[in-house]
């Protein structure tokens, strides 16, 4: 039976530590049934770079499609809740909290998504899904303003998506 890597990430880069394959190399879901429940938190962040005029329109709530940040927040939360449906072999986990935070700069919007759960597996994929979907939602809402004469997006890009925090604390049983 395959085991998940420990929280320190041991085995990174070691082909023998791949947890989603069996001894024959077949893909499988990791069995977490025997793991104790833990209180878990993961935070991911990323940014979308935009033209200054687009960022100004977002701040002024002057984007034709509506409130960009409110819509991106909904998209991020929805993505967190549905991560197990879009990432193969990802467990469906009970989400206990999702926090989203935007930081608006002159030419970019940063999104941080914090996810909390209590269970047998972590929630960093959920945090990453929240960030990428939230940023894609922003792109979708402002794409008309970002397009150049040829229909391209020379100033628009999503960058620096990463997990910036991961915590795990074992939950003591009440027996």
C-alpha atoms as a PDB file:
ATOM      1  CA  UNK A   1       0.000   0.000   0.000  1.00  0.00           C
ATOM      2  CA  UNK A   2       1.368   3.432  -0.918  1.00  0.00           C
ATOM      3  CA  UNK A   3       1.849   6.080   1.745  1.00  0.00           C
ATOM      4  CA  UNK A   4       1.707   9.839   1.358  1.00  0.00           C
ATOM      5  CA  UNK A   5       4.908  11.814   1.733  1.00  0.00           C
ATOM      6  CA  UNK A   6       5.377  13.302   5.167  1.00  0.00           C
ATOM      7  CA  UNK A   7       4.670  16.969   5.774  1.00  0.00           C
ATOM      8  CA  UNK A   8       8.341  17.889   5.317  1.00  0.00           C
ATOM      9  CA  UNK A   9       8.109  16.593   1.761  1.00  0.00           C
ATOM     10  CA  UNK A  10      10.673  13.818   2.086  1.00  0.00           C
ATOM     11  CA  UNK A  11      11.140  11.836  -1.026  1.00  0.00           C
ATOM     12  CA  UNK A  12      10.828  14.831  -3.336  1.00  0.00           C
ATOM     13  CA  UNK A  13      12.418  13.905  -6.610  1.00  0.00           C
ATOM     14  CA  UNK A  14      12.657  10.207  -5.648  1.00  0.00           C
ATOM     15  CA  UNK A  15      10.716   8.055  -8.142  1.00  0.00           C
ATOM     16  CA  UNK A  16      10.211   5.387  -5.466  1.00  0.00           C
ATOM     17  CA  UNK A  17       8.215   7.869  -3.368  1.00  0.00           C
ATOM     18  CA  UNK A  18       5.476   8.474  -5.941  1.00  0.00           C
ATOM     19  CA  UNK A  19       2.277   7.852  -4.039  1.00  0.00           C
ATOM     20  CA  UNK A  20      -0.206   7.768  -6.924  1.00  0.00           C
ATOM     21  CA  UNK A  21       1.326   4.710  -8.585  1.00  0.00           C
ATOM     22  CA  UNK A  22       1.470   1.111  -7.474  1.00  0.00           C
ATOM     23  CA  UNK A  23       4.401  -1.303  -7.851  1.00  0.00           C
ATOM     24  CA  UNK A  24       3.424  -1.930 -11.491  1.00  0.00           C
ATOM     25  CA  UNK A  25       3.288   1.802 -12.295  1.00  0.00           C
ATOM     26  CA  UNK A  26      -0.507   1.918 -12.488  1.00  0.00           C
ATOM     27  CA  UNK A  27      -2.185   5.091 -11.279  1.00  0.00           C
ATOM     28  CA  UNK A  28      -4.148   4.796  -8.053  1.00  0.00           C
ATOM     29  CA  UNK A  29      -5.746   6.976  -5.426  1.00  0.00           C
ATOM     30  CA  UNK A  30      -3.727   7.112  -2.206  1.00  0.00           C
ATOM     31  CA  UNK A  31      -5.341   5.146   0.632  1.00  0.00           C
ATOM     32  CA  UNK A  32      -5.579   7.552   3.584  1.00  0.00           C
ATOM     33  CA  UNK A  33      -8.069   5.470   5.555  1.00  0.00           C
ATOM     34  CA  UNK A  34      -5.659   4.556   8.341  1.00  0.00           C
ATOM     35  CA  UNK A  35      -4.310   8.077   8.807  1.00  0.00           C
ATOM     36  CA  UNK A  36      -5.414  10.023  11.889  1.00  0.00           C
ATOM     37  CA  UNK A  37      -7.534  13.126  11.456  1.00  0.00           C
ATOM     38  CA  UNK A  38      -5.596  16.375  11.505  1.00  0.00           C
ATOM     39  CA  UNK A  39      -6.525  20.026  11.468  1.00  0.00           C
ATOM     40  CA  UNK A  40      -5.009  21.346   8.248  1.00  0.00           C
ATOM     41  CA  UNK A  41      -4.485  24.709   6.593  1.00  0.00           C
ATOM     42  CA  UNK A  42      -2.922  25.624   3.275  1.00  0.00           C
ATOM     43  CA  UNK A  43      -2.430  29.034   1.708  1.00  0.00           C
ATOM     44  CA  UNK A  44      -1.634  29.605  -1.952  1.00  0.00           C
ATOM     45  CA  UNK A  45      -1.059  32.830  -3.813  1.00  0.00           C
ATOM     46  CA  UNK A  46      -0.615  34.050  -7.350  1.00  0.00           C
ATOM     47  CA  UNK A  47      -1.029  37.176  -9.399  1.00  0.00           C
ATOM     48  CA  UNK A  48      -2.426  38.386 -12.672  1.00  0.00           C
ATOM     49  CA  UNK A  49      -0.546  41.155 -14.430  1.00  0.00           C
ATOM     50  CA  UNK A  50      -2.686  43.642 -16.297  1.00  0.00           C
ATOM     51  CA  UNK A  51      -2.436  47.062 -17.881  1.00  0.00           C
ATOM     52  CA  UNK A  52      -2.678  49.953 -15.434  1.00  0.00           C
ATOM     53  CA  UNK A  53      -5.890  51.141 -17.081  1.00  0.00           C
ATOM     54  CA  UNK A  54      -7.515  47.747 -16.531  1.00  0.00           C
ATOM     55  CA  UNK A  55      -6.481  47.684 -12.875  1.00  0.00           C
ATOM     56  CA  UNK A  56      -7.912  51.192 -12.475  1.00  0.00           C
ATOM     57  CA  UNK A  57     -11.202  50.027 -14.023  1.00  0.00           C
ATOM     58  CA  UNK A  58     -11.330  47.055 -11.623  1.00  0.00           C
ATOM     59  CA  UNK A  59     -10.747  49.356  -8.644  1.00  0.00           C
ATOM     60  CA  UNK A  60     -13.428  51.782  -9.864  1.00  0.00           C
ATOM     61  CA  UNK A  61     -15.889  48.908 -10.437  1.00  0.00           C
ATOM     62  CA  UNK A  62     -16.086  50.131 -14.032  1.00  0.00           C
ATOM     63  CA  UNK A  63     -15.693  46.788 -15.826  1.00  0.00           C
ATOM     64  CA  UNK A  64     -18.654  46.089 -18.096  1.00  0.00           C
ATOM     65  CA  UNK A  65     -19.105  42.482 -16.896  1.00  0.00           C
ATOM     66  CA  UNK A  66     -19.551  43.560 -13.261  1.00  0.00           C
ATOM     67  CA  UNK A  67     -17.697  43.453  -9.968  1.00  0.00           C
ATOM     68  CA  UNK A  68     -14.484  41.660 -10.907  1.00  0.00           C
ATOM     69  CA  UNK A  69     -13.144  40.917  -7.432  1.00  0.00           C
ATOM     70  CA  UNK A  70     -16.488  39.745  -6.034  1.00  0.00           C
ATOM     71  CA  UNK A  71     -16.918  37.408  -8.995  1.00  0.00           C
ATOM     72  CA  UNK A  72     -13.334  36.153  -8.698  1.00  0.00           C
ATOM     73  CA  UNK A  73     -13.917  35.461  -4.991  1.00  0.00           C
ATOM     74  CA  UNK A  74     -16.965  33.336  -5.833  1.00  0.00           C
ATOM     75  CA  UNK A  75     -14.990  31.519  -8.525  1.00  0.00           C
ATOM     76  CA  UNK A  76     -12.148  30.817  -6.096  1.00  0.00           C
ATOM     77  CA  UNK A  77     -14.443  29.423  -3.413  1.00  0.00           C
ATOM     78  CA  UNK A  78     -16.343  27.297  -5.930  1.00  0.00           C
ATOM     79  CA  UNK A  79     -13.060  25.896  -7.272  1.00  0.00           C
ATOM     80  CA  UNK A  80     -11.907  24.996  -3.764  1.00  0.00           C
ATOM     81  CA  UNK A  81     -15.123  23.082  -3.161  1.00  0.00           C
ATOM     82  CA  UNK A  82     -14.850  21.188  -6.461  1.00  0.00           C
ATOM     83  CA  UNK A  83     -11.125  20.408  -6.588  1.00  0.00           C
ATOM     84  CA  UNK A  84     -11.717  16.688  -6.197  1.00  0.00           C
ATOM     85  CA  UNK A  85     -13.783  16.768  -9.409  1.00  0.00           C
ATOM     86  CA  UNK A  86     -11.059  18.341 -11.539  1.00  0.00           C
ATOM     87  CA  UNK A  87      -7.800  16.834 -10.266  1.00  0.00           C
ATOM     88  CA  UNK A  88      -7.519  13.090 -10.811  1.00  0.00           C
ATOM     89  CA  UNK A  89      -6.807  11.076  -7.649  1.00  0.00           C
ATOM     90  CA  UNK A  90      -7.594  14.048  -5.396  1.00  0.00           C
ATOM     91  CA  UNK A  91      -9.720  13.152  -2.372  1.00  0.00           C
ATOM     92  CA  UNK A  92     -13.019  14.876  -1.673  1.00  0.00           C
ATOM     93  CA  UNK A  93     -12.394  16.606   1.645  1.00  0.00           C
ATOM     94  CA  UNK A  94     -14.625  18.497   4.075  1.00  0.00           C
ATOM     95  CA  UNK A  95     -13.788  22.173   3.633  1.00  0.00           C
ATOM     96  CA  UNK A  96     -14.288  23.990   6.931  1.00  0.00           C
ATOM     97  CA  UNK A  97     -13.202  27.459   5.822  1.00  0.00           C
ATOM     98  CA  UNK A  98     -12.022  29.412   2.775  1.00  0.00           C
ATOM     99  CA  UNK A  99     -10.575  32.914   2.985  1.00  0.00           C
ATOM    100  CA  UNK A 100      -9.715  34.971  -0.089  1.00  0.00           C
ATOM    101  CA  UNK A 101      -7.670  38.136  -0.070  1.00  0.00           C
ATOM    102  CA  UNK A 102      -6.878  40.473  -2.960  1.00  0.00           C
ATOM    103  CA  UNK A 103      -4.011  42.948  -3.099  1.00  0.00           C
ATOM    104  CA  UNK A 104      -4.341  45.432  -5.949  1.00  0.00           C
ATOM    105  CA  UNK A 105      -1.188  47.051  -7.315  1.00  0.00           C
ATOM    106  CA  UNK A 106      -0.591  49.424 -10.211  1.00  0.00           C
ATOM    107  CA  UNK A 107      -0.264  46.671 -12.817  1.00  0.00           C
ATOM    108  CA  UNK A 108      -1.344  43.497 -11.037  1.00  0.00           C
ATOM    109  CA  UNK A 109      -3.828  41.889  -8.720  1.00  0.00           C
ATOM    110  CA  UNK A 110      -2.580  39.313  -6.239  1.00  0.00           C
ATOM    111  CA  UNK A 111      -4.907  36.675  -4.862  1.00  0.00           C
ATOM    112  CA  UNK A 112      -4.273  34.595  -1.747  1.00  0.00           C
ATOM    113  CA  UNK A 113      -6.553  31.696  -0.873  1.00  0.00           C
ATOM    114  CA  UNK A 114      -6.455  30.023   2.533  1.00  0.00           C
ATOM    115  CA  UNK A 115      -8.227  26.693   2.936  1.00  0.00           C
ATOM    116  CA  UNK A 116      -8.909  24.820   6.164  1.00  0.00           C
ATOM    117  CA  UNK A 117     -10.114  21.277   6.757  1.00  0.00           C
ATOM    118  CA  UNK A 118     -10.079  18.558   9.351  1.00  0.00           C
ATOM    119  CA  UNK A 119      -9.352  15.185   7.873  1.00  0.00           C
ATOM    120  CA  UNK A 120      -6.840  12.651   6.650  1.00  0.00           C
ATOM    121  CA  UNK A 121      -5.257  14.543   3.767  1.00  0.00           C
ATOM    122  CA  UNK A 122      -4.077  18.065   3.066  1.00  0.00           C
ATOM    123  CA  UNK A 123      -5.768  20.951   1.298  1.00  0.00           C
ATOM    124  CA  UNK A 124      -2.971  22.560  -0.700  1.00  0.00           C
ATOM    125  CA  UNK A 125      -4.468  21.445  -4.034  1.00  0.00           C
ATOM    126  CA  UNK A 126      -7.708  23.141  -3.040  1.00  0.00           C
ATOM    127  CA  UNK A 127      -5.833  26.371  -2.262  1.00  0.00           C
ATOM    128  CA  UNK A 128      -4.018  26.206  -5.612  1.00  0.00           C
ATOM    129  CA  UNK A 129      -7.267  25.532  -7.485  1.00  0.00           C
ATOM    130  CA  UNK A 130      -8.856  28.512  -5.734  1.00  0.00           C
ATOM    131  CA  UNK A 131      -6.018  30.817  -6.770  1.00  0.00           C
ATOM    132  CA  UNK A 132      -5.844  29.702 -10.388  1.00  0.00           C
ATOM    133  CA  UNK A 133      -9.607  29.804 -10.898  1.00  0.00           C
ATOM    134  CA  UNK A 134      -9.913  33.168  -9.157  1.00  0.00           C
ATOM    135  CA  UNK A 135      -7.192  34.610 -11.388  1.00  0.00           C
ATOM    136  CA  UNK A 136      -8.720  33.027 -14.502  1.00  0.00           C
ATOM    137  CA  UNK A 137     -12.031  34.608 -13.522  1.00  0.00           C
ATOM    138  CA  UNK A 138     -10.372  38.019 -13.387  1.00  0.00           C
ATOM    139  CA  UNK A 139      -8.854  37.419 -16.830  1.00  0.00           C
ATOM    140  CA  UNK A 140     -12.232  36.398 -18.235  1.00  0.00           C
ATOM    141  CA  UNK A 141     -13.914  39.503 -16.863  1.00  0.00           C
ATOM    142  CA  UNK A 142     -11.296  41.974 -18.140  1.00  0.00           C
ATOM    143  CA  UNK A 143     -10.218  40.301 -21.379  1.00  0.00           C
ATOM    144  CA  UNK A 144     -12.028  42.826 -23.580  1.00  0.00           C
ATOM    145  CA  UNK A 145      -9.958  45.641 -22.032  1.00  0.00           C
ATOM    146  CA  UNK A 146      -6.721  43.633 -22.225  1.00  0.00           C
ATOM    147  CA  UNK A 147      -6.912  42.581 -25.897  1.00  0.00           C
ATOM    148  CA  UNK A 148      -4.640  44.289 -28.383  1.00  0.00           C
ATOM    149  CA  UNK A 149      -5.588  45.095 -32.002  1.00  0.00           C
ATOM    150  CA  UNK A 150      -4.734  41.529 -33.050  1.00  0.00           C
ATOM    151  CA  UNK A 151      -6.829  39.945 -30.303  1.00  0.00           C
ATOM    152  CA  UNK A 152      -3.816  38.931 -28.213  1.00  0.00           C
ATOM    153  CA  UNK A 153      -2.953  39.628 -24.594  1.00  0.00           C
ATOM    154  CA  UNK A 154       0.608  40.995 -24.600  1.00  0.00           C
ATOM    155  CA  UNK A 155       0.402  42.567 -21.125  1.00  0.00           C
ATOM    156  CA  UNK A 156      -1.718  39.917 -19.422  1.00  0.00           C
ATOM    157  CA  UNK A 157      -0.306  36.920 -17.613  1.00  0.00           C
ATOM    158  CA  UNK A 158      -0.863  34.811 -14.550  1.00  0.00           C
ATOM    159  CA  UNK A 159       2.356  34.309 -12.627  1.00  0.00           C
ATOM    160  CA  UNK A 160       3.991  33.156  -9.424  1.00  0.00           C
ATOM    161  CA  UNK A 161       1.335  30.671  -8.318  1.00  0.00           C
ATOM    162  CA  UNK A 162       2.662  28.857  -5.258  1.00  0.00           C
ATOM    163  CA  UNK A 163       1.825  27.322  -1.920  1.00  0.00           C
ATOM    164  CA  UNK A 164       3.098  29.725   0.728  1.00  0.00           C
ATOM    165  CA  UNK A 165       1.884  27.960   3.873  1.00  0.00           C
ATOM    166  CA  UNK A 166       0.968  24.441   4.904  1.00  0.00           C
ATOM    167  CA  UNK A 167       0.103  23.453   8.480  1.00  0.00           C
ATOM    168  CA  UNK A 168      -1.021  20.226  10.069  1.00  0.00           C
ATOM    169  CA  UNK A 169      -1.978  19.546  13.706  1.00  0.00           C
ATOM    170  CA  UNK A 170      -3.175  16.159  14.841  1.00  0.00           C
ATOM    171  CA  UNK A 171      -6.685  16.177  16.282  1.00  0.00           C
ATOM    172  CA  UNK A 172      -6.899  14.329  19.579  1.00  0.00           C
ATOM    173  CA  UNK A 173      -9.888  11.989  19.821  1.00  0.00           C
ATOM    174  CA  UNK A 174     -12.497  12.752  22.489  1.00  0.00           C
ATOM    175  CA  UNK A 175     -12.658   9.133  23.700  1.00  0.00           C
END
